Amino acid sequence: MKIAILGAGRVGSSLARNLSNNNYEVSIVDESKTKIDLLQEKLDVGCAVGHAAPTIVVMGVRVLRKASVQYMFTSQLELA
């Protein structure tokens, strides 16, 4: 299963590690290049530097589902 995680903070990073260790195909997006670089060094996950909210708006849920993305996570601040 492919999973996109929006945000590489404590929760997002922990989730990415756990899912990756259980053989899920994980991609994570965060604005911090430092966080993304650390994750790429430690985990076998796809990473992208950028703001996650426009990704949702531009791509839309239908497009993400067509890409086999089943679940997405972000912080409550992004939803405000």
PDB file of N, CA and C in Angstrom:
ATOM      1  N   MET A   1       0.844  -1.172   0.000  1.00  0.00           N
ATOM      2  CA  MET A   1       0.000   0.000   0.000  1.00  0.00           C
ATOM      3  C   MET A   1       0.890   1.236   0.000  1.00  0.00           C
ATOM      4  N   LYS A   2       0.491   2.249  -0.746  1.00  0.00           N
ATOM      5  CA  LYS A   2       1.211   3.514  -0.796  1.00  0.00           C
ATOM      6  C   LYS A   2       0.571   4.497   0.176  1.00  0.00           C
ATOM      7  N   ILE A   3       1.414   5.165   0.960  1.00  0.00           N
ATOM      8  CA  ILE A   3       0.907   6.105   1.953  1.00  0.00           C
ATOM      9  C   ILE A   3       1.683   7.414   1.849  1.00  0.00           C
ATOM     10  N   ALA A   4       0.975   8.530   1.789  1.00  0.00           N
ATOM     11  CA  ALA A   4       1.587   9.857   1.797  1.00  0.00           C
ATOM     12  C   ALA A   4       1.375  10.475   3.170  1.00  0.00           C
ATOM     13  N   ILE A   5       2.454  10.966   3.754  1.00  0.00           N
ATOM     14  CA  ILE A   5       2.392  11.623   5.059  1.00  0.00           C
ATOM     15  C   ILE A   5       2.773  13.076   4.850  1.00  0.00           C
ATOM     16  N   LEU A   6       1.923  13.973   5.290  1.00  0.00           N
ATOM     17  CA  LEU A   6       2.161  15.398   5.134  1.00  0.00           C
ATOM     18  C   LEU A   6       2.612  15.964   6.464  1.00  0.00           C
ATOM     19  N   GLY A   7       3.905  16.185   6.580  1.00  0.00           N
ATOM     20  CA  GLY A   7       4.483  16.699   7.817  1.00  0.00           C
ATOM     21  C   GLY A   7       5.488  15.716   8.385  1.00  0.00           C
ATOM     22  N   ALA A   8       6.733  16.166   8.588  1.00  0.00           N
ATOM     23  CA  ALA A   8       7.800  15.305   9.075  1.00  0.00           C
ATOM     24  C   ALA A   8       8.201  15.652  10.502  1.00  0.00           C
ATOM     25  N   GLY A   9       7.217  16.067  11.292  1.00  0.00           N
ATOM     26  CA  GLY A   9       7.471  16.323  12.709  1.00  0.00           C
ATOM     27  C   GLY A   9       7.579  15.013  13.470  1.00  0.00           C
ATOM     28  N   ARG A  10       7.371  15.062  14.768  1.00  0.00           N
ATOM     29  CA  ARG A  10       7.485  13.847  15.582  1.00  0.00           C
ATOM     30  C   ARG A  10       6.499  12.770  15.161  1.00  0.00           C
ATOM     31  N   VAL A  11       5.258  13.154  14.961  1.00  0.00           N
ATOM     32  CA  VAL A  11       4.226  12.173  14.605  1.00  0.00           C
ATOM     33  C   VAL A  11       4.453  11.639  13.191  1.00  0.00           C
ATOM     34  N   GLY A  12       4.658  12.543  12.236  1.00  0.00           N
ATOM     35  CA  GLY A  12       4.866  12.123  10.854  1.00  0.00           C
ATOM     36  C   GLY A  12       6.097  11.251  10.683  1.00  0.00           C
ATOM     37  N   SER A  13       7.196  11.629  11.332  1.00  0.00           N
ATOM     38  CA  SER A  13       8.433  10.845  11.236  1.00  0.00           C
ATOM     39  C   SER A  13       8.281   9.473  11.870  1.00  0.00           C
ATOM     40  N   SER A  14       7.640   9.434  13.021  1.00  0.00           N
ATOM     41  CA  SER A  14       7.410   8.156  13.703  1.00  0.00           C
ATOM     42  C   SER A  14       6.506   7.250  12.870  1.00  0.00           C
ATOM     43  N   LEU A  15       5.464   7.830  12.323  1.00  0.00           N
ATOM     44  CA  LEU A  15       4.548   7.076  11.472  1.00  0.00           C
ATOM     45  C   LEU A  15       5.269   6.551  10.232  1.00  0.00           C
ATOM     46  N   ALA A  16       6.082   7.396   9.604  1.00  0.00           N
ATOM     47  CA  ALA A  16       6.844   6.981   8.422  1.00  0.00           C
ATOM     48  C   ALA A  16       7.781   5.823   8.759  1.00  0.00           C
ATOM     49  N   ARG A  17       8.466   5.914   9.889  1.00  0.00           N
ATOM     50  CA  ARG A  17       9.383   4.842  10.311  1.00  0.00           C
ATOM     51  C   ARG A  17       8.633   3.540  10.528  1.00  0.00           C
ATOM     52  N   ASN A  18       7.536   3.601  11.268  1.00  0.00           N
ATOM     53  CA  ASN A  18       6.773   2.383  11.567  1.00  0.00           C
ATOM     54  C   ASN A  18       6.202   1.751  10.301  1.00  0.00           C
ATOM     55  N   LEU A  19       5.631   2.565   9.437  1.00  0.00           N
ATOM     56  CA  LEU A  19       5.039   2.029   8.213  1.00  0.00           C
ATOM     57  C   LEU A  19       6.105   1.484   7.272  1.00  0.00           C
ATOM     58  N   SER A  20       7.215   2.194   7.139  1.00  0.00           N
ATOM     59  CA  SER A  20       8.308   1.738   6.284  1.00  0.00           C
ATOM     60  C   SER A  20       8.880   0.417   6.790  1.00  0.00           C
ATOM     61  N   ASN A  21       9.025   0.307   8.106  1.00  0.00           N
ATOM     62  CA  ASN A  21       9.537  -0.936   8.701  1.00  0.00           C
ATOM     63  C   ASN A  21       8.577  -2.111   8.491  1.00  0.00           C
ATOM     64  N   ASN A  22       7.312  -1.798   8.209  1.00  0.00           N
ATOM     65  CA  ASN A  22       6.321  -2.847   7.955  1.00  0.00           C
ATOM     66  C   ASN A  22       6.014  -2.987   6.463  1.00  0.00           C
ATOM     67  N   ASN A  23       6.982  -2.576   5.648  1.00  0.00           N
ATOM     68  CA  ASN A  23       6.947  -2.771   4.190  1.00  0.00           C
ATOM     69  C   ASN A  23       5.867  -1.996   3.441  1.00  0.00           C
ATOM     70  N   TYR A  24       5.435  -0.866   3.988  1.00  0.00           N
ATOM     71  CA  TYR A  24       4.553   0.028   3.237  1.00  0.00           C
ATOM     72  C   TYR A  24       5.422   0.948   2.388  1.00  0.00           C
ATOM     73  N   GLU A  25       4.890   1.391   1.265  1.00  0.00           N
ATOM     74  CA  GLU A  25       5.587   2.344   0.414  1.00  0.00           C
ATOM     75  C   GLU A  25       5.180   3.743   0.870  1.00  0.00           C
ATOM     76  N   VAL A  26       6.094   4.441   1.534  1.00  0.00           N
ATOM     77  CA  VAL A  26       5.788   5.701   2.198  1.00  0.00           C
ATOM     78  C   VAL A  26       6.452   6.869   1.482  1.00  0.00           C
ATOM     79  N   SER A  27       5.687   7.947   1.321  1.00  0.00           N
ATOM     80  CA  SER A  27       6.214   9.230   0.847  1.00  0.00           C
ATOM     81  C   SER A  27       5.843  10.281   1.878  1.00  0.00           C
ATOM     82  N   ILE A  28       6.770  11.203   2.134  1.00  0.00           N
ATOM     83  CA  ILE A  28       6.521  12.226   3.152  1.00  0.00           C
ATOM     84  C   ILE A  28       6.895  13.597   2.588  1.00  0.00           C
ATOM     85  N   VAL A  29       6.066  14.602   2.917  1.00  0.00           N
ATOM     86  CA  VAL A  29       6.270  15.978   2.439  1.00  0.00           C
ATOM     87  C   VAL A  29       6.415  16.884   3.653  1.00  0.00           C
ATOM     88  N   ASP A  30       7.417  17.765   3.614  1.00  0.00           N
ATOM     89  CA  ASP A  30       7.597  18.738   4.689  1.00  0.00           C
ATOM     90  C   ASP A  30       8.321  19.951   4.127  1.00  0.00           C
ATOM     91  N   GLU A  31       8.099  21.111   4.729  1.00  0.00           N
ATOM     92  CA  GLU A  31       8.764  22.347   4.299  1.00  0.00           C
ATOM     93  C   GLU A  31      10.232  22.396   4.706  1.00  0.00           C
ATOM     94  N   SER A  32      10.600  21.614   5.710  1.00  0.00           N
ATOM     95  CA  SER A  32      11.960  21.653   6.245  1.00  0.00           C
ATOM     96  C   SER A  32      12.886  20.690   5.503  1.00  0.00           C
ATOM     97  N   LYS A  33      13.843  21.256   4.773  1.00  0.00           N
ATOM     98  CA  LYS A  33      14.819  20.425   4.070  1.00  0.00           C
ATOM     99  C   LYS A  33      15.643  19.625   5.075  1.00  0.00           C
ATOM    100  N   THR A  34      15.915  20.194   6.232  1.00  0.00           N
ATOM    101  CA  THR A  34      16.683  19.502   7.265  1.00  0.00           C
ATOM    102  C   THR A  34      15.966  18.234   7.717  1.00  0.00           C
ATOM    103  N   LYS A  35      14.668  18.334   7.991  1.00  0.00           N
ATOM    104  CA  LYS A  35      13.893  17.158   8.404  1.00  0.00           C
ATOM    105  C   LYS A  35      13.855  16.109   7.296  1.00  0.00           C
ATOM    106  N   ILE A  36      13.654  16.554   6.074  1.00  0.00           N
ATOM    107  CA  ILE A  36      13.600  15.630   4.935  1.00  0.00           C
ATOM    108  C   ILE A  36      14.946  14.933   4.760  1.00  0.00           C
ATOM    109  N   ASP A  37      16.043  15.676   4.852  1.00  0.00           N
ATOM    110  CA  ASP A  37      17.374  15.081   4.710  1.00  0.00           C
ATOM    111  C   ASP A  37      17.633  14.024   5.779  1.00  0.00           C
ATOM    112  N   LEU A  38      17.232  14.315   7.021  1.00  0.00           N
ATOM    113  CA  LEU A  38      17.406  13.332   8.102  1.00  0.00           C
ATOM    114  C   LEU A  38      16.604  12.063   7.851  1.00  0.00           C
ATOM    115  N   LEU A  39      15.378  12.227   7.391  1.00  0.00           N
ATOM    116  CA  LEU A  39      14.551  11.058   7.098  1.00  0.00           C
ATOM    117  C   LEU A  39      15.141  10.217   5.970  1.00  0.00           C
ATOM    118  N   GLN A  40      15.645  10.873   4.935  1.00  0.00           N
ATOM    119  CA  GLN A  40      16.221  10.149   3.813  1.00  0.00           C
ATOM    120  C   GLN A  40      17.460   9.360   4.222  1.00  0.00           C
ATOM    121  N   GLU A  41      18.206   9.881   5.181  1.00  0.00           N
ATOM    122  CA  GLU A  41      19.388   9.168   5.681  1.00  0.00           C
ATOM    123  C   GLU A  41      19.006   7.929   6.475  1.00  0.00           C
ATOM    124  N   LYS A  42      17.894   8.005   7.211  1.00  0.00           N
ATOM    125  CA  LYS A  42      17.525   6.944   8.151  1.00  0.00           C
ATOM    126  C   LYS A  42      16.527   5.940   7.597  1.00  0.00           C
ATOM    127  N   LEU A  43      15.659   6.363   6.672  1.00  0.00           N
ATOM    128  CA  LEU A  43      14.549   5.510   6.250  1.00  0.00           C
ATOM    129  C   LEU A  43      14.521   5.310   4.742  1.00  0.00           C
ATOM    130  N   ASP A  44      13.888   4.234   4.333  1.00  0.00           N
ATOM    131  CA  ASP A  44      13.669   3.965   2.913  1.00  0.00           C
ATOM    132  C   ASP A  44      12.284   4.490   2.542  1.00  0.00           C
ATOM    133  N   VAL A  45      12.203   5.824   2.419  1.00  0.00           N
ATOM    134  CA  VAL A  45      10.935   6.476   2.086  1.00  0.00           C
ATOM    135  C   VAL A  45      11.171   7.519   1.011  1.00  0.00           C
ATOM    136  N   GLY A  46      10.124   7.824   0.242  1.00  0.00           N
ATOM    137  CA  GLY A  46      10.192   8.912  -0.713  1.00  0.00           C
ATOM    138  C   GLY A  46       9.985  10.213   0.031  1.00  0.00           C
ATOM    139  N   CYS A  47      10.737  11.232  -0.311  1.00  0.00           N
ATOM    140  CA  CYS A  47      10.639  12.509   0.392  1.00  0.00           C
ATOM    141  C   CYS A  47      10.554  13.663  -0.591  1.00  0.00           C
ATOM    142  N   ALA A  48       9.844  14.704  -0.175  1.00  0.00           N
ATOM    143  CA  ALA A  48       9.751  15.919  -0.975  1.00  0.00           C
ATOM    144  C   ALA A  48       9.724  17.122  -0.046  1.00  0.00           C
ATOM    145  N   VAL A  49      10.453  18.161  -0.429  1.00  0.00           N
ATOM    146  CA  VAL A  49      10.449  19.414   0.321  1.00  0.00           C
ATOM    147  C   VAL A  49       9.385  20.311  -0.290  1.00  0.00           C
ATOM    148  N   GLY A  50       8.479  20.786   0.563  1.00  0.00           N
ATOM    149  CA  GLY A  50       7.437  21.681   0.085  1.00  0.00           C
ATOM    150  C   GLY A  50       6.316  21.784   1.093  1.00  0.00           C
ATOM    151  N   HIS A  51       5.380  22.676   0.813  1.00  0.00           N
ATOM    152  CA  HIS A  51       4.225  22.875   1.683  1.00  0.00           C
ATOM    153  C   HIS A  51       3.139  21.905   1.259  1.00  0.00           C
ATOM    154  N   ALA A  52       2.598  21.169   2.193  1.00  0.00           N
ATOM    155  CA  ALA A  52       1.658  20.098   1.884  1.00  0.00           C
ATOM    156  C   ALA A  52       0.265  20.584   1.500  1.00  0.00           C
ATOM    157  N   ALA A  53      -0.204  21.689   2.058  1.00  0.00           N
ATOM    158  CA  ALA A  53      -1.584  22.121   1.801  1.00  0.00           C
ATOM    159  C   ALA A  53      -1.866  22.358   0.319  1.00  0.00           C
ATOM    160  N   PRO A  54      -1.001  23.041  -0.428  1.00  0.00           N
ATOM    161  CA  PRO A  54      -1.283  23.212  -1.853  1.00  0.00           C
ATOM    162  C   PRO A  54      -1.326  21.877  -2.610  1.00  0.00           C
ATOM    163  N   THR A  55      -0.589  20.883  -2.121  1.00  0.00           N
ATOM    164  CA  THR A  55      -0.606  19.566  -2.757  1.00  0.00           C
ATOM    165  C   THR A  55      -2.013  19.003  -2.746  1.00  0.00           C
ATOM    166  N   ILE A  56      -2.700  19.130  -1.622  1.00  0.00           N
ATOM    167  CA  ILE A  56      -4.058  18.617  -1.504  1.00  0.00           C
ATOM    168  C   ILE A  56      -4.998  19.391  -2.432  1.00  0.00           C
ATOM    169  N   VAL A  57      -4.877  20.702  -2.439  1.00  0.00           N
ATOM    170  CA  VAL A  57      -5.768  21.539  -3.235  1.00  0.00           C
ATOM    171  C   VAL A  57      -5.550  21.302  -4.721  1.00  0.00           C
ATOM    172  N   VAL A  58      -4.295  21.292  -5.151  1.00  0.00           N
ATOM    173  CA  VAL A  58      -3.988  21.160  -6.571  1.00  0.00           C
ATOM    174  C   VAL A  58      -4.302  19.766  -7.091  1.00  0.00           C
ATOM    175  N   MET A  59      -3.873  18.751  -6.377  1.00  0.00           N
ATOM    176  CA  MET A  59      -4.046  17.380  -6.866  1.00  0.00           C
ATOM    177  C   MET A  59      -5.453  16.849  -6.630  1.00  0.00           C
ATOM    178  N   GLY A  60      -6.026  17.222  -5.506  1.00  0.00           N
ATOM    179  CA  GLY A  60      -7.353  16.732  -5.184  1.00  0.00           C
ATOM    180  C   GLY A  60      -7.337  15.282  -4.723  1.00  0.00           C
ATOM    181  N   VAL A  61      -8.328  14.931  -3.955  1.00  0.00           N
ATOM    182  CA  VAL A  61      -8.415  13.599  -3.381  1.00  0.00           C
ATOM    183  C   VAL A  61      -8.570  12.530  -4.465  1.00  0.00           C
ATOM    184  N   ARG A  62      -9.317  12.812  -5.509  1.00  0.00           N
ATOM    185  CA  ARG A  62      -9.511  11.812  -6.571  1.00  0.00           C
ATOM    186  C   ARG A  62      -8.192  11.425  -7.229  1.00  0.00           C
ATOM    187  N   VAL A  63      -7.368  12.414  -7.494  1.00  0.00           N
ATOM    188  CA  VAL A  63      -6.083  12.138  -8.129  1.00  0.00           C
ATOM    189  C   VAL A  63      -5.209  11.306  -7.207  1.00  0.00           C
ATOM    190  N   LEU A  64      -5.199  11.648  -5.912  1.00  0.00           N
ATOM    191  CA  LEU A  64      -4.400  10.882  -4.956  1.00  0.00           C
ATOM    192  C   LEU A  64      -4.894   9.440  -4.865  1.00  0.00           C
ATOM    193  N   ARG A  65      -6.203   9.241  -4.915  1.00  0.00           N
ATOM    194  CA  ARG A  65      -6.733   7.878  -4.881  1.00  0.00           C
ATOM    195  C   ARG A  65      -6.345   7.105  -6.139  1.00  0.00           C
ATOM    196  N   LYS A  66      -6.365   7.770  -7.285  1.00  0.00           N
ATOM    197  CA  LYS A  66      -5.936   7.110  -8.520  1.00  0.00           C
ATOM    198  C   LYS A  66      -4.476   6.691  -8.436  1.00  0.00           C
ATOM    199  N   ALA A  67      -3.704   7.424  -7.652  1.00  0.00           N
ATOM    200  CA  ALA A  67      -2.292   7.093  -7.461  1.00  0.00           C
ATOM    201  C   ALA A  67      -2.115   6.033  -6.382  1.00  0.00           C
ATOM    202  N   SER A  68      -3.211   5.444  -5.936  1.00  0.00           N
ATOM    203  CA  SER A  68      -3.213   4.382  -4.923  1.00  0.00           C
ATOM    204  C   SER A  68      -2.833   4.880  -3.531  1.00  0.00           C
ATOM    205  N   VAL A  69      -2.953   6.187  -3.285  1.00  0.00           N
ATOM    206  CA  VAL A  69      -2.716   6.714  -1.948  1.00  0.00           C
ATOM    207  C   VAL A  69      -3.993   6.506  -1.143  1.00  0.00           C
ATOM    208  N   GLN A  70      -3.887   5.772  -0.043  1.00  0.00           N
ATOM    209  CA  GLN A  70      -5.060   5.411   0.742  1.00  0.00           C
ATOM    210  C   GLN A  70      -5.301   6.351   1.922  1.00  0.00           C
ATOM    211  N   TYR A  71      -4.238   6.780   2.592  1.00  0.00           N
ATOM    212  CA  TYR A  71      -4.380   7.604   3.787  1.00  0.00           C
ATOM    213  C   TYR A  71      -3.399   8.761   3.721  1.00  0.00           C
ATOM    214  N   MET A  72      -3.803   9.905   4.282  1.00  0.00           N
ATOM    215  CA  MET A  72      -2.921  11.057   4.360  1.00  0.00           C
ATOM    216  C   MET A  72      -3.029  11.640   5.760  1.00  0.00           C
ATOM    217  N   PHE A  73      -1.909  12.109   6.276  1.00  0.00           N
ATOM    218  CA  PHE A  73      -1.874  12.680   7.606  1.00  0.00           C
ATOM    219  C   PHE A  73      -1.246  14.050   7.549  1.00  0.00           C
ATOM    220  N   THR A  74      -1.779  14.974   8.341  1.00  0.00           N
ATOM    221  CA  THR A  74      -1.212  16.300   8.454  1.00  0.00           C
ATOM    222  C   THR A  74      -1.553  16.827   9.851  1.00  0.00           C
ATOM    223  N   SER A  75      -0.985  17.951  10.196  1.00  0.00           N
ATOM    224  CA  SER A  75      -1.273  18.508  11.513  1.00  0.00           C
ATOM    225  C   SER A  75      -2.615  19.242  11.494  1.00  0.00           C
ATOM    226  N   GLN A  76      -3.186  19.437  12.641  1.00  0.00           N
ATOM    227  CA  GLN A  76      -4.440  20.180  12.765  1.00  0.00           C
ATOM    228  C   GLN A  76      -4.284  21.611  12.247  1.00  0.00           C
ATOM    229  N   LEU A  77      -3.089  22.179  12.378  1.00  0.00           N
ATOM    230  CA  LEU A  77      -2.865  23.551  11.916  1.00  0.00           C
ATOM    231  C   LEU A  77      -3.099  23.677  10.427  1.00  0.00           C
ATOM    232  N   GLU A  78      -2.781  22.641   9.671  1.00  0.00           N
ATOM    233  CA  GLU A  78      -2.972  22.686   8.231  1.00  0.00           C
ATOM    234  C   GLU A  78      -4.439  22.685   7.862  1.00  0.00           C
ATOM    235  N   LEU A  79      -5.296  22.176   8.736  1.00  0.00           N
ATOM    236  CA  LEU A  79      -6.709  22.051   8.446  1.00  0.00           C
ATOM    237  C   LEU A  79      -7.492  23.302   8.771  1.00  0.00           C
ATOM    238  N   ALA A  80      -6.868  24.235   9.487  1.00  0.00           N
ATOM    239  CA  ALA A  80      -7.557  25.450   9.923  1.00  0.00           C
ATOM    240  C   ALA A  80      -7.779  26.405   8.775  1.00  0.00           C
TER     241      ALA A  80
END
